[in-house]
Amino acid sequence: MNMKEKLTIIKVGGKIVEEEDSLHQLLAAFTAVEGHKILVHGGGRSATKVAAQLGIESQMINGRRVTDADMLNVVTMVYGGLVNKNIVVRLQAQGVNALGLTGADMDVIRSHKRPVKDVDYGFVGDVDAVNGTLLADLIRKGIVPVMAPLTHDGQGHILNTNADTIAGETAKAMADVFDVTLMYCFEKKGVLRDAEDDDSLIPHINESEFKRYVEEGIIQGGMIPKLENSFEAIHAGVSKVIITLATAIDGVSGTVIER
């Protein structure tokens, strides 16, 4: 039986990648991760800031950004340029041979524009396919992909795409080839029973507990889709999913998602 090589996919967003101290800590921790790895990043706060400087108002519905034509230009510049290249150049300084990618580069992630149901989110993509074979080739050459939350539809249109979803779909696509650990990193220690109490960490969550926590209102807001992505990844063959603090990506702490 062939043992699969290990691959760690780390998604990081929010102010972690946008504040100097936290970015420095994150990239030092990411550099120390052994073996093959991929970094997926967000950058919504930077996009909001740049949009405001350009006189473009940010519109959010249910915590998700509405991406009209002007905002699409902003997120393309900010995610694919400013945030992505800042991370890449810093990783190069740490000796990590990073390659910045959007989903359009080398057709890595193909998506379609989200259909309008109750809300028109504009130029937002839902992922159709991740080219795991191509990513595996890059990784085995010693390249570390740094993936921005942008995809394309194959018809010449770039689409703003949720970074958690990109990380989850990439993990699922790589699970056939690698022993994949998916880590969602943010400003908290993991999933908390009380959002205001950093010591109320829930160390393990399975699906039945997740449903109960949602019903009880313990888990709510943006943590719900994050956990839904996590369970989808586990069912698709990802070995382990951890939700943790960005500086704790050694996997020692955080919330482990279980079947």
C-alpha atoms as a PDB file:
ATOM      1  CA  MET A   1       0.000   0.000   0.000  1.00  0.00           C
ATOM      2  CA  ASN A   2       1.422   3.380  -1.040  1.00  0.00           C
ATOM      3  CA  MET A   3       1.495   5.945   1.727  1.00  0.00           C
ATOM      4  CA  LYS A   4       0.276   9.312   0.461  1.00  0.00           C
ATOM      5  CA  GLU A   5       2.505  12.333   0.919  1.00  0.00           C
ATOM      6  CA  LYS A   6       1.180  14.901   3.365  1.00  0.00           C
ATOM      7  CA  LEU A   7      -0.255  18.194   2.151  1.00  0.00           C
ATOM      8  CA  THR A   8      -1.361  21.020   4.436  1.00  0.00           C
ATOM      9  CA  ILE A   9      -3.805  23.589   3.035  1.00  0.00           C
ATOM     10  CA  ILE A  10      -4.091  26.692   5.180  1.00  0.00           C
ATOM     11  CA  LYS A  11      -6.771  29.321   4.665  1.00  0.00           C
ATOM     12  CA  VAL A  12      -6.247  32.658   6.340  1.00  0.00           C
ATOM     13  CA  GLY A  13      -8.243  35.838   6.095  1.00  0.00           C
ATOM     14  CA  GLY A  14      -9.522  38.880   7.875  1.00  0.00           C
ATOM     15  CA  LYS A  15      -7.098  41.175   9.604  1.00  0.00           C
ATOM     16  CA  ILE A  16      -4.526  38.355   9.920  1.00  0.00           C
ATOM     17  CA  VAL A  17      -3.142  39.078   6.433  1.00  0.00           C
ATOM     18  CA  GLU A  18      -3.722  42.820   6.652  1.00  0.00           C
ATOM     19  CA  GLU A  19      -1.948  43.820   9.866  1.00  0.00           C
ATOM     20  CA  GLU A  20       1.854  43.792   9.965  1.00  0.00           C
ATOM     21  CA  ASP A  21       2.381  41.967  13.273  1.00  0.00           C
ATOM     22  CA  SER A  22      -0.155  39.207  12.638  1.00  0.00           C
ATOM     23  CA  LEU A  23       1.028  38.718   9.041  1.00  0.00           C
ATOM     24  CA  HIS A  24       4.623  38.357  10.228  1.00  0.00           C
ATOM     25  CA  GLN A  25       3.596  35.745  12.822  1.00  0.00           C
ATOM     26  CA  LEU A  26       1.437  33.870  10.318  1.00  0.00           C
ATOM     27  CA  LEU A  27       4.131  33.663   7.643  1.00  0.00           C
ATOM     28  CA  ALA A  28       6.749  32.530  10.169  1.00  0.00           C
ATOM     29  CA  ALA A  29       4.374  29.785  11.330  1.00  0.00           C
ATOM     30  CA  PHE A  30       3.470  28.850   7.726  1.00  0.00           C
ATOM     31  CA  THR A  31       7.153  28.675   6.763  1.00  0.00           C
ATOM     32  CA  ALA A  32       7.717  26.226   9.630  1.00  0.00           C
ATOM     33  CA  VAL A  33       5.011  23.825   8.391  1.00  0.00           C
ATOM     34  CA  GLU A  34       6.831  20.736   7.110  1.00  0.00           C
ATOM     35  CA  GLY A  35       6.153  19.077   3.774  1.00  0.00           C
ATOM     36  CA  HIS A  36       3.897  20.183   0.929  1.00  0.00           C
ATOM     37  CA  LYS A  37       1.624  23.162   1.563  1.00  0.00           C
ATOM     38  CA  ILE A  38      -0.783  25.650  -0.018  1.00  0.00           C
ATOM     39  CA  LEU A  39      -1.862  29.025   1.377  1.00  0.00           C
ATOM     40  CA  VAL A  40      -5.316  30.414   0.529  1.00  0.00           C
ATOM     41  CA  HIS A  41      -5.973  34.010   1.574  1.00  0.00           C
ATOM     42  CA  GLY A  42      -8.795  36.513   1.814  1.00  0.00           C
ATOM     43  CA  GLY A  43      -8.443  40.273   2.113  1.00  0.00           C
ATOM     44  CA  GLY A  44     -11.916  41.757   2.439  1.00  0.00           C
ATOM     45  CA  ARG A  45     -10.948  44.563   4.794  1.00  0.00           C
ATOM     46  CA  SER A  46      -8.265  45.784   2.400  1.00  0.00           C
ATOM     47  CA  ALA A  47     -10.792  45.688  -0.457  1.00  0.00           C
ATOM     48  CA  THR A  48     -13.262  47.752   1.584  1.00  0.00           C
ATOM     49  CA  LYS A  49     -10.540  50.286   2.432  1.00  0.00           C
ATOM     50  CA  VAL A  50      -9.305  50.675  -1.164  1.00  0.00           C
ATOM     51  CA  ALA A  51     -12.889  50.883  -2.464  1.00  0.00           C
ATOM     52  CA  ALA A  52     -13.613  53.724  -0.026  1.00  0.00           C
ATOM     53  CA  GLN A  53     -10.480  55.561  -1.186  1.00  0.00           C
ATOM     54  CA  LEU A  54     -11.799  55.271  -4.747  1.00  0.00           C
ATOM     55  CA  GLY A  55     -15.260  56.490  -3.740  1.00  0.00           C
ATOM     56  CA  ILE A  56     -16.868  53.059  -4.174  1.00  0.00           C
ATOM     57  CA  GLU A  57     -19.288  51.985  -1.458  1.00  0.00           C
ATOM     58  CA  SER A  58     -19.078  48.415  -0.137  1.00  0.00           C
ATOM     59  CA  GLN A  59     -22.406  46.617   0.122  1.00  0.00           C
ATOM     60  CA  MET A  60     -22.753  43.547   2.337  1.00  0.00           C
ATOM     61  CA  ILE A  61     -25.789  41.252   2.575  1.00  0.00           C
ATOM     62  CA  ASN A  62     -25.856  38.453   5.175  1.00  0.00           C
ATOM     63  CA  GLY A  63     -22.150  39.034   5.754  1.00  0.00           C
ATOM     64  CA  ARG A  64     -21.276  38.508   2.078  1.00  0.00           C
ATOM     65  CA  ARG A  65     -19.938  41.143  -0.284  1.00  0.00           C
ATOM     66  CA  VAL A  66     -22.043  42.252  -3.240  1.00  0.00           C
ATOM     67  CA  THR A  67     -19.653  42.502  -6.203  1.00  0.00           C
ATOM     68  CA  ASP A  68     -20.814  44.917  -8.889  1.00  0.00           C
ATOM     69  CA  ALA A  69     -18.582  45.881 -11.840  1.00  0.00           C
ATOM     70  CA  ASP A  70     -16.715  48.593  -9.905  1.00  0.00           C
ATOM     71  CA  MET A  71     -16.182  46.361  -6.878  1.00  0.00           C
ATOM     72  CA  LEU A  72     -14.983  43.534  -9.146  1.00  0.00           C
ATOM     73  CA  ASN A  73     -12.202  45.841 -10.355  1.00  0.00           C
ATOM     74  CA  VAL A  74     -11.278  46.598  -6.737  1.00  0.00           C
ATOM     75  CA  VAL A  75     -11.183  42.982  -5.536  1.00  0.00           C
ATOM     76  CA  THR A  76      -9.224  41.927  -8.619  1.00  0.00           C
ATOM     77  CA  MET A  77      -6.595  44.579  -7.847  1.00  0.00           C
ATOM     78  CA  VAL A  78      -6.539  43.994  -4.112  1.00  0.00           C
ATOM     79  CA  TYR A  79      -6.846  40.214  -3.869  1.00  0.00           C
ATOM     80  CA  GLY A  80      -4.908  39.263  -6.993  1.00  0.00           C
ATOM     81  CA  GLY A  81      -2.362  42.062  -6.651  1.00  0.00           C
ATOM     82  CA  LEU A  82      -1.815  43.917  -3.408  1.00  0.00           C
ATOM     83  CA  VAL A  83      -2.544  41.198  -0.839  1.00  0.00           C
ATOM     84  CA  ASN A  84      -1.364  38.227  -2.906  1.00  0.00           C
ATOM     85  CA  LYS A  85       1.980  39.699  -3.967  1.00  0.00           C
ATOM     86  CA  ASN A  86       2.692  41.087  -0.498  1.00  0.00           C
ATOM     87  CA  ILE A  87       2.361  37.543   0.882  1.00  0.00           C
ATOM     88  CA  VAL A  88       4.409  36.019  -1.958  1.00  0.00           C
ATOM     89  CA  VAL A  89       7.320  38.443  -1.586  1.00  0.00           C
ATOM     90  CA  ARG A  90       7.383  37.935   2.191  1.00  0.00           C
ATOM     91  CA  LEU A  91       7.424  34.145   1.787  1.00  0.00           C
ATOM     92  CA  GLN A  92      10.274  34.420  -0.717  1.00  0.00           C
ATOM     93  CA  ALA A  93      12.198  36.340   1.951  1.00  0.00           C
ATOM     94  CA  GLN A  94      11.644  33.337   4.272  1.00  0.00           C
ATOM     95  CA  GLY A  95      13.045  30.945   1.674  1.00  0.00           C
ATOM     96  CA  VAL A  96       9.626  29.640   0.593  1.00  0.00           C
ATOM     97  CA  ASN A  97       9.326  29.403  -3.215  1.00  0.00           C
ATOM     98  CA  ALA A  98       5.817  30.831  -3.398  1.00  0.00           C
ATOM     99  CA  LEU A  99       3.736  31.319  -6.551  1.00  0.00           C
ATOM    100  CA  GLY A 100       0.740  33.657  -6.434  1.00  0.00           C
ATOM    101  CA  LEU A 101      -2.311  32.367  -8.290  1.00  0.00           C
ATOM    102  CA  THR A 102      -5.866  33.346  -9.022  1.00  0.00           C
ATOM    103  CA  GLY A 103      -8.230  30.659 -10.285  1.00  0.00           C
ATOM    104  CA  ALA A 104      -7.780  32.034 -13.802  1.00  0.00           C
ATOM    105  CA  ASP A 105      -4.027  31.381 -13.851  1.00  0.00           C
ATOM    106  CA  MET A 106      -3.387  28.091 -15.658  1.00  0.00           C
ATOM    107  CA  ASP A 107      -7.162  27.428 -15.384  1.00  0.00           C
ATOM    108  CA  VAL A 108      -6.643  26.294 -11.790  1.00  0.00           C
ATOM    109  CA  ILE A 109     -10.213  26.999 -10.628  1.00  0.00           C
ATOM    110  CA  ARG A 110     -13.205  27.203 -12.948  1.00  0.00           C
ATOM    111  CA  SER A 111     -16.489  28.570 -11.627  1.00  0.00           C
ATOM    112  CA  HIS A 112     -19.868  29.941 -12.711  1.00  0.00           C
ATOM    113  CA  LYS A 113     -21.614  33.166 -11.756  1.00  0.00           C
ATOM    114  CA  ARG A 114     -23.886  32.530  -8.795  1.00  0.00           C
ATOM    115  CA  PRO A 115     -27.526  32.378  -9.960  1.00  0.00           C
ATOM    116  CA  VAL A 116     -29.826  35.051  -8.569  1.00  0.00           C
ATOM    117  CA  LYS A 117     -32.247  33.620  -6.018  1.00  0.00           C
ATOM    118  CA  ASP A 118     -33.251  35.892  -3.149  1.00  0.00           C
ATOM    119  CA  VAL A 119     -30.180  38.107  -3.522  1.00  0.00           C
ATOM    120  CA  ASP A 120     -28.120  39.210  -6.534  1.00  0.00           C
ATOM    121  CA  TYR A 121     -24.523  39.080  -5.307  1.00  0.00           C
ATOM    122  CA  GLY A 122     -23.215  40.242  -8.683  1.00  0.00           C
ATOM    123  CA  PHE A 123     -19.945  38.905 -10.041  1.00  0.00           C
ATOM    124  CA  VAL A 124     -19.549  36.143  -7.459  1.00  0.00           C
ATOM    125  CA  GLY A 125     -18.400  32.667  -8.444  1.00  0.00           C
ATOM    126  CA  ASP A 126     -19.483  29.229  -7.260  1.00  0.00           C
ATOM    127  CA  VAL A 127     -16.701  26.697  -7.860  1.00  0.00           C
ATOM    128  CA  ASP A 128     -17.177  24.012 -10.537  1.00  0.00           C
ATOM    129  CA  ALA A 129     -13.725  22.417 -10.707  1.00  0.00           C
ATOM    130  CA  VAL A 130     -10.226  22.654  -9.220  1.00  0.00           C
ATOM    131  CA  ASN A 131      -7.337  21.371 -11.348  1.00  0.00           C
ATOM    132  CA  GLY A 132      -5.755  19.160  -8.699  1.00  0.00           C
ATOM    133  CA  THR A 133      -3.408  17.486 -11.198  1.00  0.00           C
ATOM    134  CA  LEU A 134      -1.800  20.791 -12.128  1.00  0.00           C
ATOM    135  CA  LEU A 135      -1.494  21.875  -8.495  1.00  0.00           C
ATOM    136  CA  ALA A 136       0.061  18.514  -7.606  1.00  0.00           C
ATOM    137  CA  ASP A 137       2.648  18.990 -10.381  1.00  0.00           C
ATOM    138  CA  LEU A 138       3.573  22.421  -9.042  1.00  0.00           C
ATOM    139  CA  ILE A 139       3.777  21.198  -5.454  1.00  0.00           C
ATOM    140  CA  ARG A 140       6.019  18.270  -6.344  1.00  0.00           C
ATOM    141  CA  LYS A 141       8.394  20.726  -8.048  1.00  0.00           C
ATOM    142  CA  GLY A 142       8.845  22.470  -4.701  1.00  0.00           C
ATOM    143  CA  ILE A 143       6.487  25.355  -5.466  1.00  0.00           C
ATOM    144  CA  VAL A 144       4.123  26.654  -2.773  1.00  0.00           C
ATOM    145  CA  PRO A 145       0.878  28.015  -4.310  1.00  0.00           C
ATOM    146  CA  VAL A 146      -0.554  31.160  -2.695  1.00  0.00           C
ATOM    147  CA  MET A 147      -4.150  31.336  -3.886  1.00  0.00           C
ATOM    148  CA  ALA A 148      -6.221  34.522  -4.078  1.00  0.00           C
ATOM    149  CA  PRO A 149     -10.037  34.358  -3.769  1.00  0.00           C
ATOM    150  CA  LEU A 150     -10.693  34.943  -7.470  1.00  0.00           C
ATOM    151  CA  THR A 151     -11.820  32.397 -10.062  1.00  0.00           C
ATOM    152  CA  HIS A 152     -12.988  32.521 -13.691  1.00  0.00           C
ATOM    153  CA  ASP A 153     -15.806  31.127 -15.833  1.00  0.00           C
ATOM    154  CA  GLY A 154     -13.797  30.176 -18.929  1.00  0.00           C
ATOM    155  CA  GLN A 155     -15.691  32.857 -20.904  1.00  0.00           C
ATOM    156  CA  GLY A 156     -13.349  35.723 -20.073  1.00  0.00           C
ATOM    157  CA  HIS A 157     -14.931  36.781 -16.780  1.00  0.00           C
ATOM    158  CA  ILE A 158     -13.190  36.880 -13.412  1.00  0.00           C
ATOM    159  CA  LEU A 159     -15.375  36.184 -10.360  1.00  0.00           C
ATOM    160  CA  ASN A 160     -15.037  37.062  -6.679  1.00  0.00           C
ATOM    161  CA  THR A 161     -15.115  33.747  -4.795  1.00  0.00           C
ATOM    162  CA  ASN A 162     -15.274  32.933  -1.084  1.00  0.00           C
ATOM    163  CA  ALA A 163     -11.804  31.998   0.210  1.00  0.00           C
ATOM    164  CA  ASP A 164     -13.169  29.353   2.612  1.00  0.00           C
ATOM    165  CA  THR A 165     -14.862  27.675  -0.350  1.00  0.00           C
ATOM    166  CA  ILE A 166     -11.676  27.816  -2.438  1.00  0.00           C
ATOM    167  CA  ALA A 167      -9.722  26.184   0.394  1.00  0.00           C
ATOM    168  CA  GLY A 168     -12.357  23.476   0.871  1.00  0.00           C
ATOM    169  CA  GLU A 169     -12.730  22.701  -2.835  1.00  0.00           C
ATOM    170  CA  THR A 170      -8.947  22.634  -3.291  1.00  0.00           C
ATOM    171  CA  ALA A 171      -8.605  20.246  -0.348  1.00  0.00           C
ATOM    172  CA  LYS A 172     -11.248  17.946  -1.841  1.00  0.00           C
ATOM    173  CA  ALA A 173      -9.528  17.979  -5.248  1.00  0.00           C
ATOM    174  CA  MET A 174      -6.156  17.098  -3.679  1.00  0.00           C
ATOM    175  CA  ALA A 175      -7.449  14.336  -1.387  1.00  0.00           C
ATOM    176  CA  ASP A 176      -7.117  11.642  -4.067  1.00  0.00           C
ATOM    177  CA  VAL A 177      -3.403  12.331  -4.388  1.00  0.00           C
ATOM    178  CA  PHE A 178      -2.282  13.529  -0.946  1.00  0.00           C
ATOM    179  CA  ASP A 179      -3.013  12.951   2.735  1.00  0.00           C
ATOM    180  CA  VAL A 180      -4.648  16.368   3.187  1.00  0.00           C
ATOM    181  CA  THR A 181      -5.004  18.442   6.341  1.00  0.00           C
ATOM    182  CA  LEU A 182      -7.181  21.539   5.873  1.00  0.00           C
ATOM    183  CA  MET A 183      -6.793  24.389   8.361  1.00  0.00           C
ATOM    184  CA  TYR A 184      -9.057  27.412   8.630  1.00  0.00           C
ATOM    185  CA  CYS A 185      -7.132  30.099  10.520  1.00  0.00           C
ATOM    186  CA  PHE A 186      -8.563  33.295  11.949  1.00  0.00           C
ATOM    187  CA  GLU A 187      -8.406  35.565  15.010  1.00  0.00           C
ATOM    188  CA  LYS A 188      -9.853  33.096  17.548  1.00  0.00           C
ATOM    189  CA  LYS A 189      -8.490  29.870  19.080  1.00  0.00           C
ATOM    190  CA  GLY A 190     -11.131  27.822  17.245  1.00  0.00           C
ATOM    191  CA  VAL A 191     -14.881  27.325  17.548  1.00  0.00           C
ATOM    192  CA  LEU A 192     -15.984  28.878  20.840  1.00  0.00           C
ATOM    193  CA  ARG A 193     -19.028  28.153  23.006  1.00  0.00           C
ATOM    194  CA  ASP A 194     -19.058  31.867  23.844  1.00  0.00           C
ATOM    195  CA  ALA A 195     -17.659  34.242  21.203  1.00  0.00           C
ATOM    196  CA  GLU A 196     -16.646  36.667  23.963  1.00  0.00           C
ATOM    197  CA  ASP A 197     -14.720  34.037  25.968  1.00  0.00           C
ATOM    198  CA  ASP A 198     -11.455  32.913  24.362  1.00  0.00           C
ATOM    199  CA  ASP A 199     -11.190  30.059  26.860  1.00  0.00           C
ATOM    200  CA  SER A 200     -14.502  28.459  25.809  1.00  0.00           C
ATOM    201  CA  LEU A 201     -12.910  26.426  22.993  1.00  0.00           C
ATOM    202  CA  ILE A 202     -14.826  23.392  21.691  1.00  0.00           C
ATOM    203  CA  PRO A 203     -11.935  20.963  20.971  1.00  0.00           C
ATOM    204  CA  HIS A 204     -13.876  18.486  18.804  1.00  0.00           C
ATOM    205  CA  ILE A 205     -17.111  18.756  16.795  1.00  0.00           C
ATOM    206  CA  ASN A 206     -18.944  16.048  14.850  1.00  0.00           C
ATOM    207  CA  GLU A 207     -21.941  16.616  12.580  1.00  0.00           C
ATOM    208  CA  SER A 208     -24.659  15.829  15.106  1.00  0.00           C
ATOM    209  CA  GLU A 209     -23.033  18.157  17.659  1.00  0.00           C
ATOM    210  CA  PHE A 210     -22.720  20.866  14.981  1.00  0.00           C
ATOM    211  CA  LYS A 211     -26.450  20.685  14.219  1.00  0.00           C
ATOM    212  CA  ARG A 212     -27.261  20.861  17.916  1.00  0.00           C
ATOM    213  CA  TYR A 213     -24.953  23.849  18.484  1.00  0.00           C
ATOM    214  CA  VAL A 214     -26.580  25.704  15.563  1.00  0.00           C
ATOM    215  CA  GLU A 215     -30.082  24.992  16.921  1.00  0.00           C
ATOM    216  CA  GLU A 216     -28.986  26.247  20.348  1.00  0.00           C
ATOM    217  CA  GLY A 217     -27.477  29.402  18.857  1.00  0.00           C
ATOM    218  CA  ILE A 218     -23.969  28.550  20.116  1.00  0.00           C
ATOM    219  CA  ILE A 219     -22.630  28.413  16.548  1.00  0.00           C
ATOM    220  CA  GLN A 220     -23.907  31.183  14.294  1.00  0.00           C
ATOM    221  CA  GLY A 221     -23.009  33.672  11.558  1.00  0.00           C
ATOM    222  CA  GLY A 222     -19.945  33.095   9.430  1.00  0.00           C
ATOM    223  CA  MET A 223     -18.891  30.047  11.441  1.00  0.00           C
ATOM    224  CA  ILE A 224     -21.800  28.022  10.014  1.00  0.00           C
ATOM    225  CA  PRO A 225     -20.609  27.973   6.352  1.00  0.00           C
ATOM    226  CA  LYS A 226     -17.025  27.439   7.574  1.00  0.00           C
ATOM    227  CA  LEU A 227     -18.116  24.281   9.381  1.00  0.00           C
ATOM    228  CA  GLU A 228     -20.338  23.164   6.501  1.00  0.00           C
ATOM    229  CA  ASN A 229     -17.278  23.412   4.218  1.00  0.00           C
ATOM    230  CA  SER A 230     -15.308  21.427   6.788  1.00  0.00           C
ATOM    231  CA  PHE A 231     -17.758  18.525   6.902  1.00  0.00           C
ATOM    232  CA  GLU A 232     -18.008  18.452   3.096  1.00  0.00           C
ATOM    233  CA  ALA A 233     -14.211  18.171   2.941  1.00  0.00           C
ATOM    234  CA  ILE A 234     -14.138  15.311   5.459  1.00  0.00           C
ATOM    235  CA  HIS A 235     -16.803  13.413   3.487  1.00  0.00           C
ATOM    236  CA  ALA A 236     -14.758  13.945   0.286  1.00  0.00           C
ATOM    237  CA  GLY A 237     -11.683  12.247   1.738  1.00  0.00           C
ATOM    238  CA  VAL A 238      -9.781  15.052   3.471  1.00  0.00           C
ATOM    239  CA  SER A 239      -8.017  13.444   6.442  1.00  0.00           C
ATOM    240  CA  LYS A 240      -8.314  16.236   8.976  1.00  0.00           C
ATOM    241  CA  VAL A 241      -9.910  19.677   9.267  1.00  0.00           C
ATOM    242  CA  ILE A 242      -8.853  22.091  12.013  1.00  0.00           C
ATOM    243  CA  ILE A 243     -10.231  25.554  12.829  1.00  0.00           C
ATOM    244  CA  THR A 244      -7.623  27.449  14.812  1.00  0.00           C
ATOM    245  CA  LEU A 245      -5.718  30.614  15.623  1.00  0.00           C
ATOM    246  CA  ALA A 246      -3.501  31.757  12.764  1.00  0.00           C
ATOM    247  CA  THR A 247      -0.368  31.594  14.893  1.00  0.00           C
ATOM    248  CA  ALA A 248      -1.201  28.048  16.081  1.00  0.00           C
ATOM    249  CA  ILE A 249      -0.905  26.220  12.763  1.00  0.00           C
ATOM    250  CA  ASP A 250       1.320  23.594  14.305  1.00  0.00           C
ATOM    251  CA  GLY A 251      -2.000  21.812  14.817  1.00  0.00           C
ATOM    252  CA  VAL A 252      -1.562  21.478  18.571  1.00  0.00           C
ATOM    253  CA  SER A 253      -4.640  23.532  19.444  1.00  0.00           C
ATOM    254  CA  GLY A 254      -7.914  24.498  17.843  1.00  0.00           C
ATOM    255  CA  THR A 255     -11.165  22.723  16.986  1.00  0.00           C
ATOM    256  CA  VAL A 256     -10.860  19.392  15.169  1.00  0.00           C
ATOM    257  CA  ILE A 257     -13.757  18.510  12.851  1.00  0.00           C
ATOM    258  CA  GLU A 258     -14.785  14.848  13.030  1.00  0.00           C
ATOM    259  CA  ARG A 259     -17.256  12.652  11.162  1.00  0.00           C
END
